[in-house]
Amino acid sequence: MGRLFAVGLAAVGLGAVAVTGGVGTASAQPTSTTMTCSSLNPLFWAPSFHWTITAASGASLRPGGAALEPSILLSGNNELPAPPGGLIPSIGPNWYGTRLSVDWHNRTTGATGRSFSDEVAWQQKPSIPINRTWAGTGPVDFTITVQTGGGWYFINSQTAVCRGAITVLPA
């Protein structure tokens, strides 16, 4: 009976090692994270709002590139009301422009850098523009700065700053 118990206990221990990946993996960064940061509204008559931004390990092409490379991909939204649907956008003074930058530090290689997103303008609801950050693989710390302006990102620009860390996986 004691021998059967010892064999069962050893099997449970081996299963735990297989599930966790061995010693030291408990401190690994996740491959995605969701952050929330606040911004004043660049339209003085409109309310402040919160951005919810997800950063995830992914793969994308560099401009002119031929192969997918590991990168940090961003997506997000805010709680401002969506404009009404229709073929013709509503006429009015509620237009936004957005651009973001990502300052990053790869803890494995020591490399640092900054990437900028595409710039979007004349949107009735601000959104996260397309952004690709090539920071290499491994654990990466980053700071996302979202600039939102009236019509274009640089008109009465208001900023929101989110910080996070993820592990970027090979493509």
Protein backbone atom coordinates (compact mmCIF):
# COMPACT_ATOMS: atom_id res chain seq x y z
CA MET A 1 0.00 0.00 0.00
CA GLY A 2 2.80 2.42 0.90
CA ARG A 3 4.62 1.65 -2.35
CA LEU A 4 1.46 2.30 -4.40
CA PHE A 5 1.01 5.62 -2.59
CA ALA A 6 4.64 6.62 -3.33
CA VAL A 7 4.23 5.73 -7.05
CA GLY A 8 0.99 7.76 -7.21
CA LEU A 9 2.64 10.71 -5.46
CA ALA A 10 5.60 10.59 -7.88
CA ALA A 11 3.19 10.55 -10.86
CA VAL A 12 1.37 13.61 -9.51
CA GLY A 13 4.71 15.39 -9.03
CA LEU A 14 5.82 14.60 -12.59
CA GLY A 15 2.46 15.77 -13.92
CA ALA A 16 2.86 19.07 -12.06
CA VAL A 17 6.31 19.58 -13.56
CA ALA A 18 4.96 18.82 -17.05
CA VAL A 19 2.07 21.27 -16.63
CA THR A 20 4.17 24.11 -15.22
CA GLY A 21 7.15 23.54 -17.48
CA GLY A 22 9.59 22.93 -14.65
CA VAL A 23 11.18 25.22 -12.13
CA GLY A 24 11.31 28.95 -12.81
CA THR A 25 8.39 29.36 -15.23
CA ALA A 26 6.08 30.86 -12.64
CA SER A 27 7.82 34.23 -13.09
CA ALA A 28 7.47 34.29 -16.91
CA GLN A 29 5.58 37.25 -18.34
CA PRO A 30 2.27 36.55 -20.09
CA THR A 31 2.11 36.79 -23.88
CA SER A 32 -0.70 39.38 -23.69
CA THR A 33 -1.95 41.97 -21.24
CA THR A 34 -4.86 44.41 -21.05
CA MET A 35 -4.35 47.86 -19.56
CA THR A 36 -6.60 50.82 -18.79
CA CYS A 37 -5.51 54.45 -18.86
CA SER A 38 -7.42 57.75 -18.79
CA SER A 39 -7.49 60.74 -21.09
CA LEU A 40 -9.05 64.14 -21.07
CA ASN A 41 -11.20 64.75 -24.13
CA PRO A 42 -9.68 67.13 -26.71
CA LEU A 43 -13.21 68.44 -27.36
CA PHE A 44 -13.81 70.75 -24.41
CA TRP A 45 -17.57 70.03 -24.37
CA ALA A 46 -17.16 66.24 -24.26
CA PRO A 47 -16.41 64.00 -21.24
CA SER A 48 -13.08 62.48 -20.27
CA PHE A 49 -12.73 58.80 -21.09
CA HIS A 50 -10.73 55.62 -20.44
CA TRP A 51 -8.81 53.59 -23.00
CA THR A 52 -8.71 49.80 -22.69
CA ILE A 53 -5.65 48.59 -24.61
CA THR A 54 -4.54 45.01 -25.21
CA ALA A 55 -0.90 44.31 -26.11
CA ALA A 56 -0.16 40.82 -27.42
CA SER A 57 2.73 38.85 -28.84
CA GLY A 58 2.19 38.36 -32.56
CA ALA A 59 3.87 38.49 -35.94
CA SER A 60 3.78 41.09 -38.71
CA LEU A 61 5.63 42.16 -41.82
CA ARG A 62 8.09 45.01 -41.75
CA PRO A 63 7.63 47.48 -44.60
CA GLY A 64 9.20 45.77 -47.61
CA GLY A 65 9.70 42.59 -45.59
CA ALA A 66 9.26 39.10 -46.98
CA ALA A 67 8.66 37.13 -43.78
CA LEU A 68 6.62 37.57 -40.63
CA GLU A 69 8.66 38.78 -37.66
CA PRO A 70 7.85 38.69 -33.93
CA SER A 71 6.15 41.88 -32.81
CA ILE A 72 3.90 43.51 -30.24
CA LEU A 73 0.41 44.08 -31.64
CA LEU A 74 -2.03 46.53 -30.05
CA SER A 75 -5.80 46.76 -30.08
CA GLY A 76 -8.24 48.69 -27.95
CA ASN A 77 -11.30 50.77 -27.42
CA ASN A 78 -12.85 53.34 -25.11
CA GLU A 79 -16.24 53.91 -23.54
CA LEU A 80 -17.24 56.95 -25.62
CA PRO A 81 -20.52 56.29 -27.42
CA ALA A 82 -20.29 54.92 -30.95
CA PRO A 83 -21.77 57.15 -33.65
CA PRO A 84 -25.06 56.04 -35.20
CA GLY A 85 -24.78 53.62 -38.10
CA GLY A 86 -25.58 54.65 -41.65
CA LEU A 87 -24.12 55.26 -45.06
CA ILE A 88 -23.49 58.96 -44.45
CA PRO A 89 -21.66 59.98 -41.26
CA SER A 90 -23.53 62.43 -39.07
CA ILE A 91 -22.60 66.06 -39.48
CA GLY A 92 -21.30 67.67 -36.34
CA PRO A 93 -18.33 68.90 -34.35
CA ASN A 94 -17.40 65.55 -32.79
CA TRP A 95 -14.37 64.40 -34.77
CA TYR A 96 -11.17 62.86 -33.43
CA GLY A 97 -7.66 62.03 -34.60
CA THR A 98 -5.38 59.55 -32.86
CA ARG A 99 -1.75 58.48 -32.92
CA LEU A 100 0.22 56.42 -30.46
CA SER A 101 3.82 55.70 -29.66
CA VAL A 102 5.35 52.71 -27.92
CA ASP A 103 8.60 53.05 -25.98
CA TRP A 104 10.01 49.59 -25.31
CA HIS A 105 12.89 47.79 -23.58
CA ASN A 106 13.75 44.15 -24.33
CA ARG A 107 15.09 42.73 -21.04
CA THR A 108 16.87 39.82 -22.78
CA THR A 109 18.85 41.80 -25.36
CA GLY A 110 18.95 45.19 -23.61
CA ALA A 111 17.66 46.83 -26.82
CA THR A 112 15.33 49.84 -26.57
CA GLY A 113 13.32 51.76 -29.10
CA ARG A 114 10.22 53.68 -30.04
CA SER A 115 7.57 52.89 -32.62
CA PHE A 116 4.75 55.07 -33.93
CA SER A 117 1.35 53.98 -35.14
CA ASP A 118 -0.45 54.97 -38.28
CA GLU A 119 -2.27 58.28 -37.81
CA VAL A 120 -6.04 58.35 -38.08
CA ALA A 121 -8.10 61.52 -38.50
CA TRP A 122 -11.69 62.63 -38.74
CA GLN A 123 -13.18 59.72 -36.81
CA GLN A 124 -16.40 60.14 -34.88
CA LYS A 125 -15.04 57.87 -32.14
CA PRO A 126 -11.31 57.69 -31.34
CA SER A 127 -9.75 54.26 -31.78
CA ILE A 128 -6.36 52.55 -31.57
CA PRO A 129 -4.63 52.89 -34.95
CA ILE A 130 -2.64 50.06 -36.52
CA ASN A 131 0.66 49.68 -34.71
CA ARG A 132 3.46 47.17 -35.01
CA THR A 133 6.39 47.20 -32.62
CA TRP A 134 9.38 45.02 -33.48
CA ALA A 135 11.14 44.67 -30.12
CA GLY A 136 12.63 41.19 -30.61
CA THR A 137 11.70 38.08 -28.65
CA GLY A 138 11.70 37.66 -24.90
CA PRO A 139 10.35 39.75 -22.03
CA VAL A 140 9.62 43.34 -23.11
CA ASP A 141 8.61 46.30 -20.91
CA PHE A 142 6.73 49.07 -22.72
CA THR A 143 4.96 52.39 -22.31
CA ILE A 144 2.11 53.27 -24.68
CA THR A 145 1.29 56.95 -25.14
CA VAL A 146 -2.01 57.63 -26.90
CA GLN A 147 -2.45 61.13 -28.34
CA THR A 148 -6.03 62.09 -29.15
CA GLY A 149 -6.90 65.42 -30.72
CA GLY A 150 -9.86 67.25 -32.23
CA GLY A 151 -10.00 66.18 -35.90
CA TRP A 152 -6.25 65.42 -36.04
CA TYR A 153 -4.12 64.03 -33.22
CA PHE A 154 -2.14 67.27 -32.85
CA ILE A 155 -5.11 69.68 -32.33
CA ASN A 156 -5.59 70.21 -28.58
CA SER A 157 -3.86 66.87 -28.10
CA GLN A 158 -4.64 64.97 -24.90
CA THR A 159 -2.56 61.99 -23.80
CA ALA A 160 -3.19 58.72 -22.01
CA VAL A 161 -0.25 56.61 -20.81
CA CYS A 162 -0.40 52.85 -20.19
CA ARG A 163 2.49 50.66 -19.04
CA GLY A 164 2.91 46.92 -19.26
CA ALA A 165 5.15 43.94 -19.91
CA ILE A 166 4.76 40.81 -22.03
CA THR A 167 6.89 38.05 -23.48
CA VAL A 168 7.18 38.28 -27.26
CA LEU A 169 7.31 34.80 -28.77
CA PRO A 170 9.18 33.78 -31.95
CA ALA A 171 7.09 34.05 -35.14
